[in-house]
């Protein structure tokens, strides 16, 4: 545990929701947290980190009013599997069929 890092999070009222990856509190920033349910569905939460004096404020909000940071789109004629480099849990893999696209945020 680093004194300027934040542990993982999950949405308690979503059935089968996995913990998110951790994130640092090194600077003021806004970003999406990607949490997955067991069958692979992504749930995005908006996170804002603000430092005021010696206090860090971490604000979580609904991300549905924000565009996702990335869009994965399969323009090929074959299915592909996408995942973030260094992530080994298979529930974080995304199968994209030909012509399919999905919103995406980093898992870790």
C-alpha atoms as a PDB file:
ATOM      1  CA  UNK A   1       0.000   0.000   0.000  1.00  0.00           C
ATOM      2  CA  UNK A   2       1.395   3.380  -1.009  1.00  0.00           C
ATOM      3  CA  UNK A   3       0.250   6.369   1.084  1.00  0.00           C
ATOM      4  CA  UNK A   4      -0.911   8.148  -2.091  1.00  0.00           C
ATOM      5  CA  UNK A   5      -2.911   5.326  -3.621  1.00  0.00           C
ATOM      6  CA  UNK A   6      -6.514   4.267  -3.415  1.00  0.00           C
ATOM      7  CA  UNK A   7      -7.674   0.708  -2.990  1.00  0.00           C
ATOM      8  CA  UNK A   8     -10.012  -1.107  -5.333  1.00  0.00           C
ATOM      9  CA  UNK A   9     -13.756  -0.420  -5.457  1.00  0.00           C
ATOM     10  CA  UNK A  10     -16.950  -2.155  -6.474  1.00  0.00           C
ATOM     11  CA  UNK A  11     -20.654  -1.380  -6.671  1.00  0.00           C
ATOM     12  CA  UNK A  12     -22.290  -3.236  -3.801  1.00  0.00           C
ATOM     13  CA  UNK A  13     -25.822  -3.322  -5.223  1.00  0.00           C
ATOM     14  CA  UNK A  14     -24.759  -4.872  -8.555  1.00  0.00           C
ATOM     15  CA  UNK A  15     -24.902  -8.656  -8.385  1.00  0.00           C
ATOM     16  CA  UNK A  16     -21.625 -10.394  -9.165  1.00  0.00           C
ATOM     17  CA  UNK A  17     -19.636  -7.148  -9.488  1.00  0.00           C
ATOM     18  CA  UNK A  18     -15.843  -7.616  -9.343  1.00  0.00           C
ATOM     19  CA  UNK A  19     -13.450  -5.185  -7.677  1.00  0.00           C
ATOM     20  CA  UNK A  20     -11.930  -2.482  -9.855  1.00  0.00           C
ATOM     21  CA  UNK A  21      -8.217  -1.922 -10.237  1.00  0.00           C
ATOM     22  CA  UNK A  22      -6.535   0.513  -7.861  1.00  0.00           C
ATOM     23  CA  UNK A  23      -5.511   4.048  -8.797  1.00  0.00           C
ATOM     24  CA  UNK A  24      -3.091   6.665  -7.537  1.00  0.00           C
ATOM     25  CA  UNK A  25      -3.854   9.957  -5.849  1.00  0.00           C
ATOM     26  CA  UNK A  26      -0.750  11.761  -7.116  1.00  0.00           C
ATOM     27  CA  UNK A  27      -2.513  14.664  -8.822  1.00  0.00           C
ATOM     28  CA  UNK A  28      -5.878  16.259  -9.474  1.00  0.00           C
ATOM     29  CA  UNK A  29      -7.582  14.285 -12.239  1.00  0.00           C
ATOM     30  CA  UNK A  30     -10.845  12.818 -13.512  1.00  0.00           C
ATOM     31  CA  UNK A  31     -11.183   9.357 -15.012  1.00  0.00           C
ATOM     32  CA  UNK A  32     -13.454   6.351 -15.441  1.00  0.00           C
ATOM     33  CA  UNK A  33     -13.243   3.266 -13.247  1.00  0.00           C
ATOM     34  CA  UNK A  34     -14.187   0.084 -15.089  1.00  0.00           C
ATOM     35  CA  UNK A  35     -15.823  -2.596 -12.963  1.00  0.00           C
ATOM     36  CA  UNK A  36     -16.920  -5.873 -14.466  1.00  0.00           C
ATOM     37  CA  UNK A  37     -19.654  -8.287 -13.655  1.00  0.00           C
ATOM     38  CA  UNK A  38     -18.799 -11.994 -13.952  1.00  0.00           C
ATOM     39  CA  UNK A  39     -20.252 -12.324 -17.436  1.00  0.00           C
ATOM     40  CA  UNK A  40     -18.033  -9.443 -18.686  1.00  0.00           C
ATOM     41  CA  UNK A  41     -20.443  -6.478 -18.660  1.00  0.00           C
ATOM     42  CA  UNK A  42     -18.582  -3.232 -17.912  1.00  0.00           C
ATOM     43  CA  UNK A  43     -19.928  -0.781 -15.359  1.00  0.00           C
ATOM     44  CA  UNK A  44     -18.342   2.680 -15.519  1.00  0.00           C
ATOM     45  CA  UNK A  45     -18.061   5.000 -12.526  1.00  0.00           C
ATOM     46  CA  UNK A  46     -16.628   8.512 -12.831  1.00  0.00           C
ATOM     47  CA  UNK A  47     -13.892   9.340 -10.310  1.00  0.00           C
ATOM     48  CA  UNK A  48     -12.534  12.800  -9.546  1.00  0.00           C
ATOM     49  CA  UNK A  49      -9.456  13.277  -7.364  1.00  0.00           C
ATOM     50  CA  UNK A  50      -8.992  16.739  -5.878  1.00  0.00           C
ATOM     51  CA  UNK A  51      -6.294  17.822  -3.455  1.00  0.00           C
ATOM     52  CA  UNK A  52      -7.134  20.785  -1.260  1.00  0.00           C
ATOM     53  CA  UNK A  53      -4.306  21.583   1.122  1.00  0.00           C
ATOM     54  CA  UNK A  54      -3.242  18.317   2.728  1.00  0.00           C
ATOM     55  CA  UNK A  55      -6.595  16.617   2.088  1.00  0.00           C
ATOM     56  CA  UNK A  56      -7.475  14.453  -0.907  1.00  0.00           C
ATOM     57  CA  UNK A  57     -11.119  14.396  -1.940  1.00  0.00           C
ATOM     58  CA  UNK A  58     -12.185  11.362  -4.003  1.00  0.00           C
ATOM     59  CA  UNK A  59     -15.599  11.866  -5.580  1.00  0.00           C
ATOM     60  CA  UNK A  60     -17.467   9.013  -7.280  1.00  0.00           C
ATOM     61  CA  UNK A  61     -20.391   9.691  -9.597  1.00  0.00           C
ATOM     62  CA  UNK A  62     -22.503   8.083 -12.303  1.00  0.00           C
ATOM     63  CA  UNK A  63     -20.535   7.976 -15.570  1.00  0.00           C
ATOM     64  CA  UNK A  64     -23.587   7.642 -17.833  1.00  0.00           C
ATOM     65  CA  UNK A  65     -23.546  11.398 -18.581  1.00  0.00           C
ATOM     66  CA  UNK A  66     -19.951  11.237 -19.846  1.00  0.00           C
ATOM     67  CA  UNK A  67     -18.653   9.638 -23.034  1.00  0.00           C
ATOM     68  CA  UNK A  68     -16.499   6.559 -22.428  1.00  0.00           C
ATOM     69  CA  UNK A  69     -12.762   7.173 -22.729  1.00  0.00           C
ATOM     70  CA  UNK A  70     -12.366   4.610 -25.541  1.00  0.00           C
ATOM     71  CA  UNK A  71     -14.430   2.752 -28.106  1.00  0.00           C
ATOM     72  CA  UNK A  72     -13.278  -0.678 -29.270  1.00  0.00           C
ATOM     73  CA  UNK A  73     -14.497  -1.438 -32.764  1.00  0.00           C
ATOM     74  CA  UNK A  74     -13.950  -4.597 -34.801  1.00  0.00           C
ATOM     75  CA  UNK A  75     -13.960  -3.669 -38.489  1.00  0.00           C
ATOM     76  CA  UNK A  76     -12.579  -7.051 -39.539  1.00  0.00           C
ATOM     77  CA  UNK A  77     -14.456 -10.098 -40.807  1.00  0.00           C
ATOM     78  CA  UNK A  78     -13.358 -12.318 -37.894  1.00  0.00           C
ATOM     79  CA  UNK A  79     -14.022 -12.265 -34.142  1.00  0.00           C
ATOM     80  CA  UNK A  80     -11.226 -10.814 -31.987  1.00  0.00           C
ATOM     81  CA  UNK A  81     -10.452 -10.894 -28.273  1.00  0.00           C
ATOM     82  CA  UNK A  82      -9.330  -7.624 -26.650  1.00  0.00           C
ATOM     83  CA  UNK A  83      -7.801  -7.072 -23.229  1.00  0.00           C
ATOM     84  CA  UNK A  84      -5.450  -4.697 -21.488  1.00  0.00           C
ATOM     85  CA  UNK A  85      -1.803  -5.758 -21.545  1.00  0.00           C
ATOM     86  CA  UNK A  86      -0.748  -7.284 -18.227  1.00  0.00           C
ATOM     87  CA  UNK A  87      -4.297  -8.236 -17.207  1.00  0.00           C
ATOM     88  CA  UNK A  88      -4.640 -11.991 -16.881  1.00  0.00           C
ATOM     89  CA  UNK A  89      -8.150 -12.526 -15.482  1.00  0.00           C
ATOM     90  CA  UNK A  90     -10.272 -14.030 -18.245  1.00  0.00           C
ATOM     91  CA  UNK A  91     -13.441 -12.177 -17.119  1.00  0.00           C
ATOM     92  CA  UNK A  92     -11.673  -8.977 -18.295  1.00  0.00           C
ATOM     93  CA  UNK A  93     -11.337 -10.249 -21.885  1.00  0.00           C
ATOM     94  CA  UNK A  94     -13.745  -8.828 -24.449  1.00  0.00           C
ATOM     95  CA  UNK A  95     -14.915 -10.850 -27.445  1.00  0.00           C
ATOM     96  CA  UNK A  96     -15.753  -8.530 -30.338  1.00  0.00           C
ATOM     97  CA  UNK A  97     -17.639 -10.092 -33.221  1.00  0.00           C
ATOM     98  CA  UNK A  98     -17.248  -8.691 -36.753  1.00  0.00           C
ATOM     99  CA  UNK A  99     -18.767  -5.203 -36.953  1.00  0.00           C
ATOM    100  CA  UNK A 100     -19.285  -4.965 -33.190  1.00  0.00           C
ATOM    101  CA  UNK A 101     -18.164  -2.024 -31.037  1.00  0.00           C
ATOM    102  CA  UNK A 102     -18.179  -1.472 -27.258  1.00  0.00           C
ATOM    103  CA  UNK A 103     -17.331   1.389 -24.903  1.00  0.00           C
ATOM    104  CA  UNK A 104     -14.148   0.782 -22.897  1.00  0.00           C
ATOM    105  CA  UNK A 105     -12.096   2.143 -19.997  1.00  0.00           C
ATOM    106  CA  UNK A 106      -8.813   0.736 -18.638  1.00  0.00           C
ATOM    107  CA  UNK A 107      -9.288  -2.201 -16.268  1.00  0.00           C
ATOM    108  CA  UNK A 108      -6.219  -1.395 -14.167  1.00  0.00           C
END
